[in-house]
Structure formats: C-alpha cells, structure tokens
mmCIF file of all heavy atoms, coordinates in Angstrom:
data_MODEL
# 
_entry.id   MODEL 
# 
loop_
_atom_site.group_PDB 
_atom_site.id 
_atom_site.type_symbol 
_atom_site.label_atom_id 
_atom_site.label_alt_id 
_atom_site.label_comp_id 
_atom_site.label_asym_id 
_atom_site.label_entity_id 
_atom_site.label_seq_id 
_atom_site.pdbx_PDB_ins_code 
_atom_site.Cartn_x 
_atom_site.Cartn_y 
_atom_site.Cartn_z 
_atom_site.occupancy 
_atom_site.B_iso_or_equiv 
_atom_site.pdbx_formal_charge 
_atom_site.auth_seq_id 
_atom_site.auth_comp_id 
_atom_site.auth_asym_id 
_atom_site.auth_atom_id 
_atom_site.pdbx_PDB_model_num 
ATOM 1   N N   . PHE A 1 1  ? -93.383  -3.058  68.905 1.00 0.00 ? 1  PHE A N   1 
ATOM 2   C CA  . PHE A 1 1  ? -93.172  -3.995  69.998 1.00 0.00 ? 1  PHE A CA  1 
ATOM 3   C C   . PHE A 1 1  ? -94.312  -4.999  69.944 1.00 0.00 ? 1  PHE A C   1 
ATOM 4   O O   . PHE A 1 1  ? -95.468  -4.657  70.204 1.00 0.00 ? 1  PHE A O   1 
ATOM 5   C CB  . PHE A 1 1  ? -93.168  -3.262  71.348 1.00 0.00 ? 1  PHE A CB  1 
ATOM 6   C CG  . PHE A 1 1  ? -92.038  -2.277  71.499 1.00 0.00 ? 1  PHE A CG  1 
ATOM 7   C CD1 . PHE A 1 1  ? -92.204  -0.946  71.159 1.00 0.00 ? 1  PHE A CD1 1 
ATOM 8   C CD2 . PHE A 1 1  ? -90.805  -2.690  71.987 1.00 0.00 ? 1  PHE A CD2 1 
ATOM 9   C CE1 . PHE A 1 1  ? -91.160  -0.034  71.302 1.00 0.00 ? 1  PHE A CE1 1 
ATOM 10  C CE2 . PHE A 1 1  ? -89.755  -1.793  72.138 1.00 0.00 ? 1  PHE A CE2 1 
ATOM 11  C CZ  . PHE A 1 1  ? -89.942  -0.459  71.788 1.00 0.00 ? 1  PHE A CZ  1 
ATOM 12  N N   . ASP A 1 2  ? -94.009  -6.246  69.597 1.00 0.00 ? 2  ASP A N   1 
ATOM 13  C CA  . ASP A 1 2  ? -95.067  -7.213  69.318 1.00 0.00 ? 2  ASP A CA  1 
ATOM 14  C C   . ASP A 1 2  ? -94.628  -8.615  69.726 1.00 0.00 ? 2  ASP A C   1 
ATOM 15  O O   . ASP A 1 2  ? -94.252  -9.434  68.894 1.00 0.00 ? 2  ASP A O   1 
ATOM 16  C CB  . ASP A 1 2  ? -95.421  -7.177  67.827 1.00 0.00 ? 2  ASP A CB  1 
ATOM 17  C CG  . ASP A 1 2  ? -96.556  -8.129  67.473 1.00 0.00 ? 2  ASP A CG  1 
ATOM 18  O OD1 . ASP A 1 2  ? -97.297  -8.537  68.384 1.00 0.00 ? 2  ASP A OD1 1 
ATOM 19  O OD2 . ASP A 1 2  ? -96.700  -8.470  66.283 1.00 0.00 ? 2  ASP A OD2 1 
ATOM 20  N N   . GLY A 1 3  ? -94.663  -8.884  71.012 1.00 0.00 ? 3  GLY A N   1 
ATOM 21  C CA  . GLY A 1 3  ? -94.337  -10.218 71.495 1.00 0.00 ? 3  GLY A CA  1 
ATOM 22  C C   . GLY A 1 3  ? -95.107  -10.515 72.770 1.00 0.00 ? 3  GLY A C   1 
ATOM 23  O O   . GLY A 1 3  ? -94.919  -9.847  73.787 1.00 0.00 ? 3  GLY A O   1 
ATOM 24  N N   . VAL A 1 4  ? -96.000  -11.493 72.718 1.00 0.00 ? 4  VAL A N   1 
ATOM 25  C CA  . VAL A 1 4  ? -96.768  -11.869 73.908 1.00 0.00 ? 4  VAL A CA  1 
ATOM 26  C C   . VAL A 1 4  ? -95.802  -12.379 74.969 1.00 0.00 ? 4  VAL A C   1 
ATOM 27  O O   . VAL A 1 4  ? -95.052  -13.326 74.738 1.00 0.00 ? 4  VAL A O   1 
ATOM 28  C CB  . VAL A 1 4  ? -97.816  -12.939 73.570 1.00 0.00 ? 4  VAL A CB  1 
ATOM 29  C CG1 . VAL A 1 4  ? -98.532  -13.407 74.830 1.00 0.00 ? 4  VAL A CG1 1 
ATOM 30  C CG2 . VAL A 1 4  ? -98.811  -12.412 72.554 1.00 0.00 ? 4  VAL A CG2 1 
ATOM 31  N N   . GLY A 1 5  ? -95.780  -11.741 76.127 1.00 0.00 ? 5  GLY A N   1 
ATOM 32  C CA  . GLY A 1 5  ? -94.844  -12.104 77.182 1.00 0.00 ? 5  GLY A CA  1 
ATOM 33  C C   . GLY A 1 5  ? -93.504  -11.396 77.070 1.00 0.00 ? 5  GLY A C   1 
ATOM 34  O O   . GLY A 1 5  ? -92.644  -11.554 77.933 1.00 0.00 ? 5  GLY A O   1 
ATOM 35  N N   . GLY A 1 6  ? -93.321  -10.603 76.016 1.00 0.00 ? 6  GLY A N   1 
ATOM 36  C CA  . GLY A 1 6  ? -92.056  -9.897  75.830 1.00 0.00 ? 6  GLY A CA  1 
ATOM 37  C C   . GLY A 1 6  ? -91.947  -8.665  76.714 1.00 0.00 ? 6  GLY A C   1 
ATOM 38  O O   . GLY A 1 6  ? -92.954  -8.046  77.072 1.00 0.00 ? 6  GLY A O   1 
ATOM 39  N N   . GLU A 1 7  ? -90.732  -8.328  77.090 1.00 0.00 ? 7  GLU A N   1 
ATOM 40  C CA  . GLU A 1 7  ? -90.453  -7.116  77.852 1.00 0.00 ? 7  GLU A CA  1 
ATOM 41  C C   . GLU A 1 7  ? -89.203  -6.452  77.276 1.00 0.00 ? 7  GLU A C   1 
ATOM 42  O O   . GLU A 1 7  ? -88.188  -7.123  77.046 1.00 0.00 ? 7  GLU A O   1 
ATOM 43  C CB  . GLU A 1 7  ? -90.220  -7.413  79.328 1.00 0.00 ? 7  GLU A CB  1 
ATOM 44  C CG  . GLU A 1 7  ? -91.437  -7.888  80.086 1.00 0.00 ? 7  GLU A CG  1 
ATOM 45  C CD  . GLU A 1 7  ? -91.128  -8.115  81.556 1.00 0.00 ? 7  GLU A CD  1 
ATOM 46  O OE1 . GLU A 1 7  ? -89.966  -7.911  81.972 1.00 0.00 ? 7  GLU A OE1 1 
ATOM 47  O OE2 . GLU A 1 7  ? -92.063  -8.499  82.292 1.00 0.00 ? 7  GLU A OE2 1 
ATOM 48  N N   . TRP A 1 8  ? -89.280  -5.145  77.050 1.00 0.00 ? 8  TRP A N   1 
ATOM 49  C CA  . TRP A 1 8  ? -88.152  -4.384  76.513 1.00 0.00 ? 8  TRP A CA  1 
ATOM 50  C C   . TRP A 1 8  ? -87.899  -3.180  77.404 1.00 0.00 ? 8  TRP A C   1 
ATOM 51  O O   . TRP A 1 8  ? -88.827  -2.452  77.768 1.00 0.00 ? 8  TRP A O   1 
ATOM 52  C CB  . TRP A 1 8  ? -88.443  -3.906  75.094 1.00 0.00 ? 8  TRP A CB  1 
ATOM 53  C CG  . TRP A 1 8  ? -88.715  -5.002  74.117 1.00 0.00 ? 8  TRP A CG  1 
ATOM 54  C CD1 . TRP A 1 8  ? -87.820  -5.655  73.325 1.00 0.00 ? 8  TRP A CD1 1 
ATOM 55  C CD2 . TRP A 1 8  ? -89.987  -5.597  73.818 1.00 0.00 ? 8  TRP A CD2 1 
ATOM 56  N NE1 . TRP A 1 8  ? -88.441  -6.599  72.557 1.00 0.00 ? 8  TRP A NE1 1 
ATOM 57  C CE2 . TRP A 1 8  ? -89.772  -6.592  72.839 1.00 0.00 ? 8  TRP A CE2 1 
ATOM 58  C CE3 . TRP A 1 8  ? -91.289  -5.381  74.284 1.00 0.00 ? 8  TRP A CE3 1 
ATOM 59  C CZ2 . TRP A 1 8  ? -90.806  -7.362  72.314 1.00 0.00 ? 8  TRP A CZ2 1 
ATOM 60  C CZ3 . TRP A 1 8  ? -92.317  -6.144  73.782 1.00 0.00 ? 8  TRP A CZ3 1 
ATOM 61  C CH2 . TRP A 1 8  ? -92.071  -7.122  72.797 1.00 0.00 ? 8  TRP A CH2 1 
ATOM 62  N N   . THR A 1 9  ? -86.634  -2.944  77.708 1.00 0.00 ? 9  THR A N   1 
ATOM 63  C CA  . THR A 1 9  ? -86.249  -1.786  78.499 1.00 0.00 ? 9  THR A CA  1 
ATOM 64  C C   . THR A 1 9  ? -85.370  -0.875  77.652 1.00 0.00 ? 9  THR A C   1 
ATOM 65  O O   . THR A 1 9  ? -84.354  -1.325  77.106 1.00 0.00 ? 9  THR A O   1 
ATOM 66  C CB  . THR A 1 9  ? -85.482  -2.203  79.767 1.00 0.00 ? 9  THR A CB  1 
ATOM 67  O OG1 . THR A 1 9  ? -86.314  -3.061  80.562 1.00 0.00 ? 9  THR A OG1 1 
ATOM 68  C CG2 . THR A 1 9  ? -85.090  -0.984  80.593 1.00 0.00 ? 9  THR A CG2 1 
ATOM 69  N N   . LEU A 1 10 ? -85.758  0.385   77.529 1.00 0.00 ? 10 LEU A N   1 
ATOM 70  C CA  . LEU A 1 10 ? -84.963  1.330   76.749 1.00 0.00 ? 10 LEU A CA  1 
ATOM 71  C C   . LEU A 1 10 ? -83.669  1.635   77.482 1.00 0.00 ? 10 LEU A C   1 
ATOM 72  O O   . LEU A 1 10 ? -83.637  1.747   78.702 1.00 0.00 ? 10 LEU A O   1 
ATOM 73  C CB  . LEU A 1 10 ? -85.740  2.622   76.517 1.00 0.00 ? 10 LEU A CB  1 
ATOM 74  C CG  . LEU A 1 10 ? -87.100  2.524   75.816 1.00 0.00 ? 10 LEU A CG  1 
ATOM 75  C CD1 . LEU A 1 10 ? -87.609  3.920   75.479 1.00 0.00 ? 10 LEU A CD1 1 
ATOM 76  C CD2 . LEU A 1 10 ? -87.032  1.657   74.568 1.00 0.00 ? 10 LEU A CD2 1 
ATOM 77  N N   . GLN A 1 11 ? -82.599  1.799   76.708 1.00 0.00 ? 11 GLN A N   1 
ATOM 78  C CA  . GLN A 1 11 ? -81.295  2.118   77.275 1.00 0.00 ? 11 GLN A CA  1 
ATOM 79  C C   . GLN A 1 11 ? -80.914  3.579   77.048 1.00 0.00 ? 11 GLN A C   1 
ATOM 80  O O   . GLN A 1 11 ? -79.937  4.058   77.621 1.00 0.00 ? 11 GLN A O   1 
ATOM 81  C CB  . GLN A 1 11 ? -80.224  1.211   76.656 1.00 0.00 ? 11 GLN A CB  1 
ATOM 82  C CG  . GLN A 1 11 ? -80.493  -0.266  76.860 1.00 0.00 ? 11 GLN A CG  1 
ATOM 83  C CD  . GLN A 1 11 ? -80.588  -0.644  78.330 1.00 0.00 ? 11 GLN A CD  1 
ATOM 84  O OE1 . GLN A 1 11 ? -79.603  -0.538  79.058 1.00 0.00 ? 11 GLN A OE1 1 
ATOM 85  N NE2 . GLN A 1 11 ? -81.756  -1.086  78.775 1.00 0.00 ? 11 GLN A NE2 1 
ATOM 86  N N   . ASP A 1 12 ? -81.663  4.268   76.186 1.00 0.00 ? 12 ASP A N   1 
ATOM 87  C CA  . ASP A 1 12 ? -81.415  5.679   75.931 1.00 0.00 ? 12 ASP A CA  1 
ATOM 88  C C   . ASP A 1 12 ? -82.643  6.240   75.232 1.00 0.00 ? 12 ASP A C   1 
ATOM 89  O O   . ASP A 1 12 ? -83.613  5.526   74.971 1.00 0.00 ? 12 ASP A O   1 
ATOM 90  C CB  . ASP A 1 12 ? -80.160  5.884   75.063 1.00 0.00 ? 12 ASP A CB  1 
ATOM 91  C CG  . ASP A 1 12 ? -80.224  5.143   73.745 1.00 0.00 ? 12 ASP A CG  1 
ATOM 92  O OD1 . ASP A 1 12 ? -81.304  4.611   73.415 1.00 0.00 ? 12 ASP A OD1 1 
ATOM 93  O OD2 . ASP A 1 12 ? -79.212  5.075   73.036 1.00 0.00 ? 12 ASP A OD2 1 
ATOM 94  N N   . THR A 1 13 ? -82.626  7.526   74.957 1.00 0.00 ? 13 THR A N   1 
ATOM 95  C CA  . THR A 1 13 ? -83.740  8.162   74.263 1.00 0.00 ? 13 THR A CA  1 
ATOM 96  C C   . THR A 1 13 ? -83.897  7.570   72.868 1.00 0.00 ? 13 THR A C   1 
ATOM 97  O O   . THR A 1 13 ? -82.924  7.387   72.142 1.00 0.00 ? 13 THR A O   1 
ATOM 98  C CB  . THR A 1 13 ? -83.512  9.675   74.159 1.00 0.00 ? 13 THR A CB  1 
ATOM 99  O OG1 . THR A 1 13 ? -83.513  10.230  75.478 1.00 0.00 ? 13 THR A OG1 1 
ATOM 100 C CG2 . THR A 1 13 ? -84.608  10.344  73.343 1.00 0.00 ? 13 THR A CG2 1 
ATOM 101 N N   . VAL A 1 14 ? -85.139  7.265   72.502 1.00 0.00 ? 14 VAL A N   1 
ATOM 102 C CA  . VAL A 1 14 ? -85.447  6.730   71.178 1.00 0.00 ? 14 VAL A CA  1 
ATOM 103 C C   . VAL A 1 14 ? -86.012  7.854   70.320 1.00 0.00 ? 14 VAL A C   1 
ATOM 104 O O   . VAL A 1 14 ? -87.086  8.383   70.589 1.00 0.00 ? 14 VAL A O   1 
ATOM 105 C CB  . VAL A 1 14 ? -86.450  5.568   71.268 1.00 0.00 ? 14 VAL A CB  1 
ATOM 106 C CG1 . VAL A 1 14 ? -86.905  5.142   69.878 1.00 0.00 ? 14 VAL A CG1 1 
ATOM 107 C CG2 . VAL A 1 14 ? -85.836  4.393   72.004 1.00 0.00 ? 14 VAL A CG2 1 
ATOM 108 N N   . TYR A 1 15 ? -85.254  8.249   69.304 1.00 0.00 ? 15 TYR A N   1 
ATOM 109 C CA  . TYR A 1 15 ? -85.699  9.231   68.329 1.00 0.00 ? 15 TYR A CA  1 
ATOM 110 C C   . TYR A 1 15 ? -86.186  8.456   67.101 1.00 0.00 ? 15 TYR A C   1 
ATOM 111 O O   . TYR A 1 15 ? -85.398  7.796   66.431 1.00 0.00 ? 15 TYR A O   1 
ATOM 112 C CB  . TYR A 1 15 ? -84.560  10.151  67.921 1.00 0.00 ? 15 TYR A CB  1 
ATOM 113 C CG  . TYR A 1 15 ? -83.976  10.979  69.040 1.00 0.00 ? 15 TYR A CG  1 
ATOM 114 C CD1 . TYR A 1 15 ? -82.922  10.497  69.795 1.00 0.00 ? 15 TYR A CD1 1 
ATOM 115 C CD2 . TYR A 1 15 ? -84.476  12.252  69.319 1.00 0.00 ? 15 TYR A CD2 1 
ATOM 116 C CE1 . TYR A 1 15 ? -82.369  11.260  70.817 1.00 0.00 ? 15 TYR A CE1 1 
ATOM 117 C CE2 . TYR A 1 15 ? -83.933  13.015  70.342 1.00 0.00 ? 15 TYR A CE2 1 
ATOM 118 C CZ  . TYR A 1 15 ? -82.876  12.522  71.082 1.00 0.00 ? 15 TYR A CZ  1 
ATOM 119 O OH  . TYR A 1 15 ? -82.340  13.264  72.087 1.00 0.00 ? 15 TYR A OH  1 
ATOM 120 N N   . ASN A 1 16 ? -87.467  8.543   66.809 1.00 0.00 ? 16 ASN A N   1 
ATOM 121 C CA  . ASN A 1 16 ? -88.054  7.724   65.753 1.00 0.00 ? 16 ASN A CA  1 
ATOM 122 C C   . ASN A 1 16 ? -88.708  8.611   64.711 1.00 0.00 ? 16 ASN A C   1 
ATOM 123 O O   . ASN A 1 16 ? -89.477  9.516   65.042 1.00 0.00 ? 16 ASN A O   1 
ATOM 124 C CB  . ASN A 1 16 ? -89.076  6.767   66.375 1.00 0.00 ? 16 ASN A CB  1 
ATOM 125 C CG  . ASN A 1 16 ? -89.843  5.982   65.344 1.00 0.00 ? 16 ASN A CG  1 
ATOM 126 O OD1 . ASN A 1 16 ? -90.994  6.302   65.096 1.00 0.00 ? 16 ASN A OD1 1 
ATOM 127 N ND2 . ASN A 1 16 ? -89.232  4.986   64.753 1.00 0.00 ? 16 ASN A ND2 1 
ATOM 128 N N   . ALA A 1 17 ? -88.414  8.355   63.441 1.00 0.00 ? 17 ALA A N   1 
ATOM 129 C CA  . ALA A 1 17 ? -88.881  9.240   62.385 1.00 0.00 ? 17 ALA A CA  1 
ATOM 130 C C   . ALA A 1 17 ? -90.372  9.136   62.124 1.00 0.00 ? 17 ALA A C   1 
ATOM 131 O O   . ALA A 1 17 ? -90.992  10.092  61.674 1.00 0.00 ? 17 ALA A O   1 
ATOM 132 C CB  . ALA A 1 17 ? -88.116  8.942   61.102 1.00 0.00 ? 17 ALA A CB  1 
ATOM 133 N N   . SER A 1 18 ? -90.975  7.980   62.390 1.00 0.00 ? 18 SER A N   1 
ATOM 134 C CA  . SER A 1 18 ? -92.368  7.810   61.986 1.00 0.00 ? 18 SER A CA  1 
ATOM 135 C C   . SER A 1 18 ? -93.236  7.307   63.132 1.00 0.00 ? 18 SER A C   1 
ATOM 136 O O   . SER A 1 18 ? -93.759  8.102   63.899 1.00 0.00 ? 18 SER A O   1 
ATOM 137 C CB  . SER A 1 18 ? -92.452  6.858   60.797 1.00 0.00 ? 18 SER A CB  1 
ATOM 138 O OG  . SER A 1 18 ? -93.771  6.826   60.301 1.00 0.00 ? 18 SER A OG  1 
ATOM 139 N N   . THR A 1 19 ? -93.362  5.977   63.285 1.00 0.00 ? 19 THR A N   1 
ATOM 140 C CA  . THR A 1 19 ? -94.361  5.430   64.195 1.00 0.00 ? 19 THR A CA  1 
ATOM 141 C C   . THR A 1 19 ? -93.761  4.406   65.142 1.00 0.00 ? 19 THR A C   1 
ATOM 142 O O   . THR A 1 19 ? -93.010  3.528   64.725 1.00 0.00 ? 19 THR A O   1 
ATOM 143 C CB  . THR A 1 19 ? -95.508  4.765   63.395 1.00 0.00 ? 19 THR A CB  1 
ATOM 144 O OG1 . THR A 1 19 ? -96.079  5.722   62.501 1.00 0.00 ? 19 THR A OG1 1 
ATOM 145 C CG2 . THR A 1 19 ? -96.592  4.248   64.326 1.00 0.00 ? 19 THR A CG2 1 
ATOM 146 N N   . ILE A 1 20 ? -94.143  4.504   66.407 1.00 0.00 ? 20 ILE A N   1 
ATOM 147 C CA  . ILE A 1 20 ? -93.870  3.461   67.388 1.00 0.00 ? 20 ILE A CA  1 
ATOM 148 C C   . ILE A 1 20 ? -95.206  2.831   67.755 1.00 0.00 ? 20 ILE A C   1 
ATOM 149 O O   . ILE A 1 20 ? -96.164  3.543   68.083 1.00 0.00 ? 20 ILE A O   1 
ATOM 150 C CB  . ILE A 1 20 ? -93.193  4.017   68.650 1.00 0.00 ? 20 ILE A CB  1 
ATOM 151 C CG1 . ILE A 1 20 ? -91.817  4.605   68.309 1.00 0.00 ? 20 ILE A CG1 1 
ATOM 152 C CG2 . ILE A 1 20 ? -93.051  2.940   69.714 1.00 0.00 ? 20 ILE A CG2 1 
ATOM 153 C CD1 . ILE A 1 20 ? -91.144  5.297   69.476 1.00 0.00 ? 20 ILE A CD1 1 
ATOM 154 N N   . THR A 1 21 ? -95.276  1.498   67.675 1.00 0.00 ? 21 THR A N   1 
ATOM 155 C CA  . THR A 1 21 ? -96.518  0.790   67.977 1.00 0.00 ? 21 THR A CA  1 
ATOM 156 C C   . THR A 1 21 ? -96.249  -0.273  69.038 1.00 0.00 ? 21 THR A C   1 
ATOM 157 O O   . THR A 1 21 ? -95.305  -1.053  68.897 1.00 0.00 ? 21 THR A O   1 
ATOM 158 C CB  . THR A 1 21 ? -97.090  0.108   66.721 1.00 0.00 ? 21 THR A CB  1 
ATOM 159 O OG1 . THR A 1 21 ? -97.308  1.087   65.706 1.00 0.00 ? 21 THR A OG1 1 
ATOM 160 C CG2 . THR A 1 21 ? -98.418  -0.573  67.032 1.00 0.00 ? 21 THR A CG2 1 
ATOM 161 N N   . LEU A 1 22 ? -97.077  -0.292  70.075 1.00 0.00 ? 22 LEU A N   1 
ATOM 162 C CA  . LEU A 1 22 ? -97.023  -1.351  71.080 1.00 0.00 ? 22 LEU A CA  1 
ATOM 163 C C   . LEU A 1 22 ? -98.255  -2.216  70.891 1.00 0.00 ? 22 LEU A C   1 
ATOM 164 O O   . LEU A 1 22 ? -99.380  -1.794  71.158 1.00 0.00 ? 22 LEU A O   1 
ATOM 165 C CB  . LEU A 1 22 ? -96.976  -0.757  72.492 1.00 0.00 ? 22 LEU A CB  1 
ATOM 166 C CG  . LEU A 1 22 ? -97.089  -1.748  73.659 1.00 0.00 ? 22 LEU A CG  1 
ATOM 167 C CD1 . LEU A 1 22 ? -96.010  -2.817  73.578 1.00 0.00 ? 22 LEU A CD1 1 
ATOM 168 C CD2 . LEU A 1 22 ? -97.023  -1.012  74.999 1.00 0.00 ? 22 LEU A CD2 1 
ATOM 169 N N   . THR A 1 23 ? -98.023  -3.437  70.373 1.00 0.00 ? 23 THR A N   1 
ATOM 170 C CA  . THR A 1 23 ? -99.118  -4.366  70.085 1.00 0.00 ? 23 THR A CA  1 
ATOM 171 C C   . THR A 1 23 ? -99.309  -5.370  71.204 1.00 0.00 ? 23 THR A C   1 
ATOM 172 O O   . THR A 1 23 ? -100.437 -5.721  71.560 1.00 0.00 ? 23 THR A O   1 
ATOM 173 C CB  . THR A 1 23 ? -98.841  -5.105  68.759 1.00 0.00 ? 23 THR A CB  1 
ATOM 174 O OG1 . THR A 1 23 ? -98.699  -4.145  67.719 1.00 0.00 ? 23 THR A OG1 1 
ATOM 175 C CG2 . THR A 1 23 ? -99.976  -6.049  68.413 1.00 0.00 ? 23 THR A CG2 1 
ATOM 176 N N   . SER A 1 24 ? -98.195  -5.856  71.765 1.00 0.00 ? 24 SER A N   1 
ATOM 177 C CA  . SER A 1 24 ? -98.260  -6.782  72.896 1.00 0.00 ? 24 SER A CA  1 
ATOM 178 C C   . SER A 1 24 ? -96.933  -6.762  73.624 1.00 0.00 ? 24 SER A C   1 
ATOM 179 O O   . SER A 1 24 ? -95.884  -6.487  73.032 1.00 0.00 ? 24 SER A O   1 
ATOM 180 C CB  . SER A 1 24 ? -98.609  -8.205  72.435 1.00 0.00 ? 24 SER A CB  1 
ATOM 181 O OG  . SER A 1 24 ? -97.707  -8.647  71.440 1.00 0.00 ? 24 SER A OG  1 
# 
C-alpha cells in the first residue's frame, strides 16, 4: 500500500503468501 493520501478498505479476509507492506 503506497499512495500518499490513498485510502483502501478491505472487503474480505486477505490471505497473502509473503509480505504486506504499508508505506503510505
């Protein structure tokens, strides 16, 4: 997740094999 001013809302469970990164 990398966007200055960005907003994301999950709609369901996120199953991720490796890495989730929140940069901005």
